[in-house]
C-alpha atoms as a PDB file:
ATOM      1  CA  UNK A   1      53.574-139.543 125.653  1.00  0.00           C
ATOM      2  CA  UNK A   2      55.881-140.697 122.853  1.00  0.00           C
ATOM      3  CA  UNK A   3      56.165-144.439 122.379  1.00  0.00           C
ATOM      4  CA  UNK A   4      59.026-144.549 119.910  1.00  0.00           C
ATOM      5  CA  UNK A   5      62.213-142.816 118.933  1.00  0.00           C
ATOM      6  CA  UNK A   6      62.538-142.344 115.167  1.00  0.00           C
ATOM      7  CA  UNK A   7      65.919-141.825 113.523  1.00  0.00           C
ATOM      8  CA  UNK A   8      66.830-141.525 109.843  1.00  0.00           C
ATOM      9  CA  UNK A   9      70.185-143.166 109.240  1.00  0.00           C
ATOM     10  CA  UNK A  10      72.156-142.252 106.127  1.00  0.00           C
ATOM     11  CA  UNK A  11      74.259-145.181 104.881  1.00  0.00           C
ATOM     12  CA  UNK A  12      75.556-143.763 101.566  1.00  0.00           C
ATOM     13  CA  UNK A  13      74.956-140.902  99.162  1.00  0.00           C
ATOM     14  CA  UNK A  14      75.453-139.692  95.630  1.00  0.00           C
ATOM     15  CA  UNK A  15      76.769-136.203  95.029  1.00  0.00           C
ATOM     16  CA  UNK A  16      75.284-135.200  91.672  1.00  0.00           C
ATOM     17  CA  UNK A  17      71.760-136.554  91.305  1.00  0.00           C
ATOM     18  CA  UNK A  18      69.629-134.843  88.605  1.00  0.00           C
ATOM     19  CA  UNK A  19      66.838-132.768  90.173  1.00  0.00           C
ATOM     20  CA  UNK A  20      64.517-133.832  87.360  1.00  0.00           C
ATOM     21  CA  UNK A  21      64.616-137.363  88.770  1.00  0.00           C
ATOM     22  CA  UNK A  22      63.374-136.104  92.124  1.00  0.00           C
ATOM     23  CA  UNK A  23      60.574-133.703  91.216  1.00  0.00           C
ATOM     24  CA  UNK A  24      58.622-134.436  88.040  1.00  0.00           C
ATOM     25  CA  UNK A  25      59.101-131.712  85.452  1.00  0.00           C
ATOM     26  CA  UNK A  26      62.190-130.078  86.992  1.00  0.00           C
ATOM     27  CA  UNK A  27      64.233-130.690  83.882  1.00  0.00           C
ATOM     28  CA  UNK A  28      67.555-128.933  83.309  1.00  0.00           C
ATOM     29  CA  UNK A  29      67.570-127.769  86.932  1.00  0.00           C
ATOM     30  CA  UNK A  30      70.987-129.063  87.857  1.00  0.00           C
ATOM     31  CA  UNK A  31      71.969-131.676  90.412  1.00  0.00           C
ATOM     32  CA  UNK A  32      72.186-132.073  94.165  1.00  0.00           C
ATOM     33  CA  UNK A  33      73.376-134.479  96.830  1.00  0.00           C
ATOM     34  CA  UNK A  34      71.000-137.391  97.366  1.00  0.00           C
ATOM     35  CA  UNK A  35      71.309-139.277 100.666  1.00  0.00           C
ATOM     36  CA  UNK A  36      70.448-142.960 100.894  1.00  0.00           C
ATOM     37  CA  UNK A  37      69.031-144.094 104.211  1.00  0.00           C
ATOM     38  CA  UNK A  38      66.626-146.148 106.265  1.00  0.00           C
ATOM     39  CA  UNK A  39      64.561-145.432 109.358  1.00  0.00           C
ATOM     40  CA  UNK A  40      64.987-146.876 112.843  1.00  0.00           C
ATOM     41  CA  UNK A  41      61.929-147.112 115.118  1.00  0.00           C
ATOM     42  CA  UNK A  42      62.863-147.956 118.690  1.00  0.00           C
ATOM     43  CA  UNK A  43      60.996-148.078 121.995  1.00  0.00           C
ATOM     44  CA  UNK A  44      58.561-150.124 124.075  1.00  0.00           C
ATOM     45  CA  UNK A  45      60.723-153.181 123.469  1.00  0.00           C
ATOM     46  CA  UNK A  46      60.447-152.636 119.702  1.00  0.00           C
ATOM     47  CA  UNK A  47      63.448-152.425 117.366  1.00  0.00           C
ATOM     48  CA  UNK A  48      62.168-152.031 113.812  1.00  0.00           C
ATOM     49  CA  UNK A  49      63.429-150.681 110.509  1.00  0.00           C
ATOM     50  CA  UNK A  50      61.678-149.128 107.565  1.00  0.00           C
ATOM     51  CA  UNK A  51      63.750-150.559 104.685  1.00  0.00           C
ATOM     52  CA  UNK A  52      67.259-151.997 104.914  1.00  0.00           C
ATOM     53  CA  UNK A  53      69.394-150.323 102.257  1.00  0.00           C
ATOM     54  CA  UNK A  54      71.569-152.622 100.171  1.00  0.00           C
ATOM     55  CA  UNK A  55      74.537-154.889 100.720  1.00  0.00           C
ATOM     56  CA  UNK A  56      77.494-153.611  98.696  1.00  0.00           C
ATOM     57  CA  UNK A  57      78.314-156.880  96.918  1.00  0.00           C
ATOM     58  CA  UNK A  58      77.683-158.570  93.560  1.00  0.00           C
ATOM     59  CA  UNK A  59      75.040-156.943  91.347  1.00  0.00           C
ATOM     60  CA  UNK A  60      74.108-154.390  94.022  1.00  0.00           C
ATOM     61  CA  UNK A  61      77.696-153.086  93.995  1.00  0.00           C
ATOM     62  CA  UNK A  62      77.494-152.754  90.207  1.00  0.00           C
ATOM     63  CA  UNK A  63      74.218-150.844  90.508  1.00  0.00           C
ATOM     64  CA  UNK A  64      75.704-148.573  93.161  1.00  0.00           C
ATOM     65  CA  UNK A  65      78.560-147.754  90.808  1.00  0.00           C
ATOM     66  CA  UNK A  66      76.114-147.058  87.993  1.00  0.00           C
ATOM     67  CA  UNK A  67      74.201-144.626  90.214  1.00  0.00           C
ATOM     68  CA  UNK A  68      77.495-143.092  91.462  1.00  0.00           C
ATOM     69  CA  UNK A  69      76.655-143.981  95.072  1.00  0.00           C
ATOM     70  CA  UNK A  70      79.621-143.433  97.365  1.00  0.00           C
ATOM     71  CA  UNK A  71      80.638-143.782 101.021  1.00  0.00           C
ATOM     72  CA  UNK A  72      78.523-146.910 101.592  1.00  0.00           C
ATOM     73  CA  UNK A  73      78.741-148.214 105.129  1.00  0.00           C
ATOM     74  CA  UNK A  74      77.515-151.482 106.580  1.00  0.00           C
ATOM     75  CA  UNK A  75      74.374-151.781 108.686  1.00  0.00           C
ATOM     76  CA  UNK A  76      76.571-152.684 111.625  1.00  0.00           C
ATOM     77  CA  UNK A  77      78.438-149.378 111.368  1.00  0.00           C
ATOM     78  CA  UNK A  78      75.361-147.269 110.692  1.00  0.00           C
ATOM     79  CA  UNK A  79      73.124-148.736 113.413  1.00  0.00           C
ATOM     80  CA  UNK A  80      75.907-148.541 115.980  1.00  0.00           C
ATOM     81  CA  UNK A  81      75.350-144.763 116.021  1.00  0.00           C
ATOM     82  CA  UNK A  82      72.124-145.604 117.898  1.00  0.00           C
ATOM     83  CA  UNK A  83      73.681-148.440 119.917  1.00  0.00           C
ATOM     84  CA  UNK A  84      71.842-151.040 117.821  1.00  0.00           C
ATOM     85  CA  UNK A  85      73.211-154.178 116.147  1.00  0.00           C
ATOM     86  CA  UNK A  86      71.539-155.698 113.053  1.00  0.00           C
ATOM     87  CA  UNK A  87      70.703-158.799 115.102  1.00  0.00           C
ATOM     88  CA  UNK A  88      68.642-156.602 117.468  1.00  0.00           C
ATOM     89  CA  UNK A  89      66.173-155.739 114.697  1.00  0.00           C
ATOM     90  CA  UNK A  90      63.004-157.838 114.965  1.00  0.00           C
ATOM     91  CA  UNK A  91      60.690-156.190 112.394  1.00  0.00           C
ATOM     92  CA  UNK A  92      61.425-154.719 108.960  1.00  0.00           C
ATOM     93  CA  UNK A  93      58.821-152.892 106.886  1.00  0.00           C
ATOM     94  CA  UNK A  94      59.809-152.850 103.212  1.00  0.00           C
ATOM     95  CA  UNK A  95      58.281-149.868 101.431  1.00  0.00           C
ATOM     96  CA  UNK A  96      59.213-151.208  97.978  1.00  0.00           C
ATOM     97  CA  UNK A  97      61.618-153.571  96.257  1.00  0.00           C
ATOM     98  CA  UNK A  98      64.174-151.211  94.715  1.00  0.00           C
ATOM     99  CA  UNK A  99      67.691-152.388  95.468  1.00  0.00           C
ATOM    100  CA  UNK A 100      68.599-149.444  97.717  1.00  0.00           C
ATOM    101  CA  UNK A 101      65.663-150.210 100.017  1.00  0.00           C
ATOM    102  CA  UNK A 102      65.476-154.019 100.029  1.00  0.00           C
ATOM    103  CA  UNK A 103      68.926-155.306  99.131  1.00  0.00           C
ATOM    104  CA  UNK A 104      70.176-155.621 102.714  1.00  0.00           C
ATOM    105  CA  UNK A 105      67.814-158.416 103.724  1.00  0.00           C
ATOM    106  CA  UNK A 106      70.579-160.889 104.535  1.00  0.00           C
ATOM    107  CA  UNK A 107      72.102-158.482 107.062  1.00  0.00           C
ATOM    108  CA  UNK A 108      69.148-158.817 109.463  1.00  0.00           C
ATOM    109  CA  UNK A 109      69.108-162.420 110.558  1.00  0.00           C
ATOM    110  CA  UNK A 110      66.478-162.200 113.307  1.00  0.00           C
ATOM    111  CA  UNK A 111      63.933-159.935 111.664  1.00  0.00           C
ATOM    112  CA  UNK A 112      60.494-160.671 110.259  1.00  0.00           C
ATOM    113  CA  UNK A 113      59.864-158.790 107.005  1.00  0.00           C
ATOM    114  CA  UNK A 114      56.636-157.144 105.853  1.00  0.00           C
ATOM    115  CA  UNK A 115      55.992-156.384 102.181  1.00  0.00           C
ATOM    116  CA  UNK A 116      52.857-155.859 100.137  1.00  0.00           C
ATOM    117  CA  UNK A 117      51.959-159.052  98.262  1.00  0.00           C
ATOM    118  CA  UNK A 118      51.291-156.988  95.120  1.00  0.00           C
ATOM    119  CA  UNK A 119      54.833-155.607  95.228  1.00  0.00           C
ATOM    120  CA  UNK A 120      56.299-159.084  95.220  1.00  0.00           C
ATOM    121  CA  UNK A 121      53.996-160.680  92.640  1.00  0.00           C
ATOM    122  CA  UNK A 122      54.186-157.800  90.157  1.00  0.00           C
ATOM    123  CA  UNK A 123      57.985-157.812  90.171  1.00  0.00           C
ATOM    124  CA  UNK A 124      57.961-161.542  89.477  1.00  0.00           C
ATOM    125  CA  UNK A 125      55.672-160.826  86.524  1.00  0.00           C
ATOM    126  CA  UNK A 126      57.946-158.049  85.234  1.00  0.00           C
ATOM    127  CA  UNK A 127      60.964-160.326  85.524  1.00  0.00           C
ATOM    128  CA  UNK A 128      59.174-162.739  83.183  1.00  0.00           C
ATOM    129  CA  UNK A 129      58.807-160.157  80.399  1.00  0.00           C
ATOM    130  CA  UNK A 130      61.021-160.120  77.336  1.00  0.00           C
ATOM    131  CA  UNK A 131      64.252-158.162  77.262  1.00  0.00           C
ATOM    132  CA  UNK A 132      62.815-155.081  75.561  1.00  0.00           C
ATOM    133  CA  UNK A 133      60.885-154.348  78.784  1.00  0.00           C
ATOM    134  CA  UNK A 134      64.075-154.219  80.851  1.00  0.00           C
ATOM    135  CA  UNK A 135      63.731-150.530  81.798  1.00  0.00           C
ATOM    136  CA  UNK A 136      61.040-151.654  84.225  1.00  0.00           C
ATOM    137  CA  UNK A 137      63.748-153.525  86.126  1.00  0.00           C
ATOM    138  CA  UNK A 138      66.225-150.651  86.176  1.00  0.00           C
ATOM    139  CA  UNK A 139      66.186-150.176  89.967  1.00  0.00           C
ATOM    140  CA  UNK A 140      65.850-153.725  91.250  1.00  0.00           C
ATOM    141  CA  UNK A 141      68.289-156.540  91.854  1.00  0.00           C
ATOM    142  CA  UNK A 142      66.476-159.738  90.780  1.00  0.00           C
ATOM    143  CA  UNK A 143      68.301-161.706  93.462  1.00  0.00           C
ATOM    144  CA  UNK A 144      66.538-159.581  96.090  1.00  0.00           C
ATOM    145  CA  UNK A 145      63.214-161.038  94.928  1.00  0.00           C
ATOM    146  CA  UNK A 146      64.610-164.514  95.498  1.00  0.00           C
ATOM    147  CA  UNK A 147      65.757-163.482  98.953  1.00  0.00           C
ATOM    148  CA  UNK A 148      62.226-162.428  99.835  1.00  0.00           C
ATOM    149  CA  UNK A 149      60.857-165.763  98.643  1.00  0.00           C
ATOM    150  CA  UNK A 150      63.442-167.506 100.812  1.00  0.00           C
ATOM    151  CA  UNK A 151      62.216-165.477 103.798  1.00  0.00           C
ATOM    152  CA  UNK A 152      58.843-167.142 103.273  1.00  0.00           C
ATOM    153  CA  UNK A 153      60.543-170.536 103.365  1.00  0.00           C
ATOM    154  CA  UNK A 154      62.124-169.556 106.677  1.00  0.00           C
ATOM    155  CA  UNK A 155      58.808-168.376 108.127  1.00  0.00           C
ATOM    156  CA  UNK A 156      60.085-164.789 108.299  1.00  0.00           C
ATOM    157  CA  UNK A 157      57.855-163.123 105.704  1.00  0.00           C
ATOM    158  CA  UNK A 158      54.487-161.441 106.141  1.00  0.00           C
ATOM    159  CA  UNK A 159      52.901-160.880 102.736  1.00  0.00           C
ATOM    160  CA  UNK A 160      50.529-157.982 103.369  1.00  0.00           C
ATOM    161  CA  UNK A 161      47.314-157.396 101.445  1.00  0.00           C
ATOM    162  CA  UNK A 162      46.090-153.857 101.895  1.00  0.00           C
ATOM    163  CA  UNK A 163      46.250-151.791 105.088  1.00  0.00           C
ATOM    164  CA  UNK A 164      47.551-153.470 108.235  1.00  0.00           C
ATOM    165  CA  UNK A 165      46.752-151.590 111.435  1.00  0.00           C
ATOM    166  CA  UNK A 166      48.718-152.011 114.650  1.00  0.00           C
ATOM    167  CA  UNK A 167      51.283-154.353 113.127  1.00  0.00           C
ATOM    168  CA  UNK A 168      53.071-153.124 116.244  1.00  0.00           C
ATOM    169  CA  UNK A 169      51.338-150.891 118.802  1.00  0.00           C
ATOM    170  CA  UNK A 170      50.608-147.567 117.109  1.00  0.00           C
ATOM    171  CA  UNK A 171      52.231-148.579 113.801  1.00  0.00           C
ATOM    172  CA  UNK A 172      50.189-149.070 110.628  1.00  0.00           C
ATOM    173  CA  UNK A 173      51.148-150.173 107.113  1.00  0.00           C
ATOM    174  CA  UNK A 174      49.333-148.353 104.323  1.00  0.00           C
ATOM    175  CA  UNK A 175      49.447-149.376 100.638  1.00  0.00           C
ATOM    176  CA  UNK A 176      49.958-147.031  97.702  1.00  0.00           C
ATOM    177  CA  UNK A 177      49.336-149.408  94.830  1.00  0.00           C
ATOM    178  CA  UNK A 178      50.578-148.745  91.295  1.00  0.00           C
ATOM    179  CA  UNK A 179      52.465-145.631  92.354  1.00  0.00           C
ATOM    180  CA  UNK A 180      56.257-145.377  92.687  1.00  0.00           C
ATOM    181  CA  UNK A 181      56.222-149.162  92.297  1.00  0.00           C
ATOM    182  CA  UNK A 182      53.403-151.697  91.857  1.00  0.00           C
ATOM    183  CA  UNK A 183      52.929-152.355  95.564  1.00  0.00           C
ATOM    184  CA  UNK A 184      54.563-149.514  97.450  1.00  0.00           C
ATOM    185  CA  UNK A 185      53.572-149.001 101.056  1.00  0.00           C
ATOM    186  CA  UNK A 186      54.270-146.392 103.707  1.00  0.00           C
ATOM    187  CA  UNK A 187      54.394-146.582 107.484  1.00  0.00           C
ATOM    188  CA  UNK A 188      52.250-144.489 109.807  1.00  0.00           C
ATOM    189  CA  UNK A 189      53.484-144.137 113.383  1.00  0.00           C
ATOM    190  CA  UNK A 190      50.832-142.933 115.862  1.00  0.00           C
ATOM    191  CA  UNK A 191      53.398-142.094 118.476  1.00  0.00           C
ATOM    192  CA  UNK A 192      50.963-141.557 121.318  1.00  0.00           C
ATOM    193  CA  UNK A 193      49.364-144.932 120.573  1.00  0.00           C
ATOM    194  CA  UNK A 194      45.915-143.400 120.094  1.00  0.00           C
ATOM    195  CA  UNK A 195      43.668-144.244 117.183  1.00  0.00           C
ATOM    196  CA  UNK A 196      42.865-140.544 116.652  1.00  0.00           C
ATOM    197  CA  UNK A 197      46.445-139.525 117.237  1.00  0.00           C
ATOM    198  CA  UNK A 198      47.785-135.996 117.432  1.00  0.00           C
ATOM    199  CA  UNK A 199      51.369-137.242 117.105  1.00  0.00           C
ATOM    200  CA  UNK A 200      51.538-138.891 113.675  1.00  0.00           C
ATOM    201  CA  UNK A 201      54.626-139.485 111.552  1.00  0.00           C
ATOM    202  CA  UNK A 202      54.538-140.779 107.967  1.00  0.00           C
ATOM    203  CA  UNK A 203      57.590-142.779 106.851  1.00  0.00           C
ATOM    204  CA  UNK A 204      57.075-142.769 103.119  1.00  0.00           C
ATOM    205  CA  UNK A 205      59.934-144.577 101.392  1.00  0.00           C
ATOM    206  CA  UNK A 206      60.271-143.223  97.854  1.00  0.00           C
ATOM    207  CA  UNK A 207      56.718-142.011  97.436  1.00  0.00           C
ATOM    208  CA  UNK A 208      58.272-138.673  98.365  1.00  0.00           C
ATOM    209  CA  UNK A 209      61.843-137.682  97.505  1.00  0.00           C
ATOM    210  CA  UNK A 210      61.757-133.983  98.353  1.00  0.00           C
ATOM    211  CA  UNK A 211      59.473-131.629 100.258  1.00  0.00           C
ATOM    212  CA  UNK A 212      58.676-130.019  96.912  1.00  0.00           C
ATOM    213  CA  UNK A 213      56.803-133.177  95.965  1.00  0.00           C
ATOM    214  CA  UNK A 214      54.272-132.159  98.619  1.00  0.00           C
ATOM    215  CA  UNK A 215      53.936-128.419  97.991  1.00  0.00           C
ATOM    216  CA  UNK A 216      55.674-127.554  94.726  1.00  0.00           C
ATOM    217  CA  UNK A 217      57.435-124.199  94.598  1.00  0.00           C
ATOM    218  CA  UNK A 218      55.137-122.299  96.990  1.00  0.00           C
ATOM    219  CA  UNK A 219      54.145-123.502 100.466  1.00  0.00           C
ATOM    220  CA  UNK A 220      51.416-120.864 100.590  1.00  0.00           C
ATOM    221  CA  UNK A 221      49.847-122.172  97.378  1.00  0.00           C
ATOM    222  CA  UNK A 222      50.741-125.871  97.468  1.00  0.00           C
ATOM    223  CA  UNK A 223      50.771-128.098  94.434  1.00  0.00           C
ATOM    224  CA  UNK A 224      51.493-131.815  94.528  1.00  0.00           C
ATOM    225  CA  UNK A 225      54.436-132.639  92.257  1.00  0.00           C
ATOM    226  CA  UNK A 226      55.141-136.375  91.939  1.00  0.00           C
ATOM    227  CA  UNK A 227      58.583-137.913  92.024  1.00  0.00           C
ATOM    228  CA  UNK A 228      60.470-137.988  88.753  1.00  0.00           C
ATOM    229  CA  UNK A 229      60.996-141.745  88.707  1.00  0.00           C
ATOM    230  CA  UNK A 230      58.149-144.217  88.947  1.00  0.00           C
ATOM    231  CA  UNK A 231      57.110-147.555  87.514  1.00  0.00           C
ATOM    232  CA  UNK A 232      53.465-146.864  88.306  1.00  0.00           C
ATOM    233  CA  UNK A 233      50.975-144.046  87.921  1.00  0.00           C
ATOM    234  CA  UNK A 234      51.830-140.451  88.710  1.00  0.00           C
ATOM    235  CA  UNK A 235      48.136-139.895  89.359  1.00  0.00           C
ATOM    236  CA  UNK A 236      48.231-142.547  92.060  1.00  0.00           C
ATOM    237  CA  UNK A 237      51.323-140.952  93.590  1.00  0.00           C
ATOM    238  CA  UNK A 238      49.539-137.610  93.828  1.00  0.00           C
ATOM    239  CA  UNK A 239      46.482-139.262  95.382  1.00  0.00           C
ATOM    240  CA  UNK A 240      48.758-140.980  97.898  1.00  0.00           C
ATOM    241  CA  UNK A 241      50.128-137.548  98.850  1.00  0.00           C
ATOM    242  CA  UNK A 242      46.626-136.428  99.727  1.00  0.00           C
ATOM    243  CA  UNK A 243      46.111-139.420 102.026  1.00  0.00           C
ATOM    244  CA  UNK A 244      49.520-138.938 103.622  1.00  0.00           C
ATOM    245  CA  UNK A 245      48.974-135.242 104.233  1.00  0.00           C
ATOM    246  CA  UNK A 246      45.573-135.928 105.782  1.00  0.00           C
ATOM    247  CA  UNK A 247      47.186-138.461 108.111  1.00  0.00           C
ATOM    248  CA  UNK A 248      49.714-135.892 109.397  1.00  0.00           C
ATOM    249  CA  UNK A 249      47.210-133.053 109.706  1.00  0.00           C
ATOM    250  CA  UNK A 250      48.655-131.135 106.770  1.00  0.00           C
ATOM    251  CA  UNK A 251      52.116-130.697 108.344  1.00  0.00           C
ATOM    252  CA  UNK A 252      54.665-131.647 105.695  1.00  0.00           C
ATOM    253  CA  UNK A 253      57.467-131.785 108.287  1.00  0.00           C
ATOM    254  CA  UNK A 254      55.803-134.895 109.709  1.00  0.00           C
ATOM    255  CA  UNK A 255      56.357-136.645 106.380  1.00  0.00           C
ATOM    256  CA  UNK A 256      59.805-138.254 106.440  1.00  0.00           C
ATOM    257  CA  UNK A 257      61.439-138.849 103.018  1.00  0.00           C
ATOM    258  CA  UNK A 258      64.802-140.565 103.502  1.00  0.00           C
ATOM    259  CA  UNK A 259      66.221-139.027 100.301  1.00  0.00           C
ATOM    260  CA  UNK A 260      65.530-135.451 101.478  1.00  0.00           C
ATOM    261  CA  UNK A 261      68.896-133.847 102.201  1.00  0.00           C
ATOM    262  CA  UNK A 262      67.237-131.069 104.258  1.00  0.00           C
ATOM    263  CA  UNK A 263      65.972-133.372 106.998  1.00  0.00           C
ATOM    264  CA  UNK A 264      69.106-132.393 108.901  1.00  0.00           C
ATOM    265  CA  UNK A 265      67.963-128.756 108.824  1.00  0.00           C
ATOM    266  CA  UNK A 266      64.454-129.521 110.103  1.00  0.00           C
ATOM    267  CA  UNK A 267      65.379-131.926 112.907  1.00  0.00           C
ATOM    268  CA  UNK A 268      68.313-132.275 115.307  1.00  0.00           C
ATOM    269  CA  UNK A 269      71.173-134.060 113.568  1.00  0.00           C
ATOM    270  CA  UNK A 270      74.869-134.775 113.549  1.00  0.00           C
ATOM    271  CA  UNK A 271      77.439-136.174 111.148  1.00  0.00           C
ATOM    272  CA  UNK A 272      79.241-139.402 112.039  1.00  0.00           C
ATOM    273  CA  UNK A 273      82.992-139.846 111.755  1.00  0.00           C
ATOM    274  CA  UNK A 274      82.292-141.664 108.466  1.00  0.00           C
ATOM    275  CA  UNK A 275      80.672-138.496 107.098  1.00  0.00           C
ATOM    276  CA  UNK A 276      77.076-139.774 107.238  1.00  0.00           C
ATOM    277  CA  UNK A 277      74.152-137.863 108.723  1.00  0.00           C
ATOM    278  CA  UNK A 278      72.052-139.103 111.636  1.00  0.00           C
ATOM    279  CA  UNK A 279      68.692-137.322 111.935  1.00  0.00           C
ATOM    280  CA  UNK A 280      66.695-137.477 115.160  1.00  0.00           C
ATOM    281  CA  UNK A 281      63.049-137.071 114.170  1.00  0.00           C
ATOM    282  CA  UNK A 282      61.575-137.679 117.630  1.00  0.00           C
ATOM    283  CA  UNK A 283      62.474-139.314 120.922  1.00  0.00           C
ATOM    284  CA  UNK A 284      60.548-141.757 123.078  1.00  0.00           C
ATOM    285  CA  UNK A 285      59.802-140.493 126.561  1.00  0.00           C
ATOM    286  CA  UNK A 286      62.559-142.532 128.181  1.00  0.00           C
ATOM    287  CA  UNK A 287      65.135-142.320 125.369  1.00  0.00           C
ATOM    288  CA  UNK A 288      68.543-140.663 125.232  1.00  0.00           C
ATOM    289  CA  UNK A 289      69.344-138.313 122.377  1.00  0.00           C
ATOM    290  CA  UNK A 290      71.754-139.713 119.797  1.00  0.00           C
ATOM    291  CA  UNK A 291      72.692-136.317 118.370  1.00  0.00           C
ATOM    292  CA  UNK A 292      73.514-134.278 121.502  1.00  0.00           C
END
């Protein structure tokens, strides 16, 4: 029994991203394409997203240009590949507050948003620091923080403290504090609905960029290699990998990093007419494939 379909939806990409920013220590190793995406969880009357990308306006558009992000498409276009409209989304799980994961809040008018309280409060603190600390803010749009606060005013924010089990049936939120960001979290989907599930998927945001973060250069002799960009502790990132890998029974292919360009080679996939990749991680029992 599979409760949910899980799809990774690319909404933009950058062509020449330095590999050293993806896997810590891989300096002078060239560049590669880096997809930008979010995850759709659908089934059992649930329509949820893990992260929301960004809206290509104002400061976010400037940041996209600075990161050389191209071929951005709206949530309406991207979700339509799965016959979903942004207004259909009822739950959004924000893994962290970087602009390419949280900037699209305003596009999802009916959703309730879940974010770790520590993620929100620590960014407010960092915004209060003097200008010489500005590197800490290099991947956030300060207006996104205000948007989250406004969600609270609207009654559409859940400020999570620690793990949150069964936020929806079979879906858990797990914190990874002081790691990629101060209050990062990842999403565990127990797709058979069982507490001791044998069908677990880990939707990890930017805790993992590439499979090499989980096994290094040799799958037979694995070595955790943290991401190359973090505002928290690399030690904590590595320890989070251990918890994630335990959750998925040691199978790295059940860890879903949205920035991993090889997802399309591991799972069924297709390219949309806009040139963006749709990856079908798993299908609910009663669902129709979106790639065949």
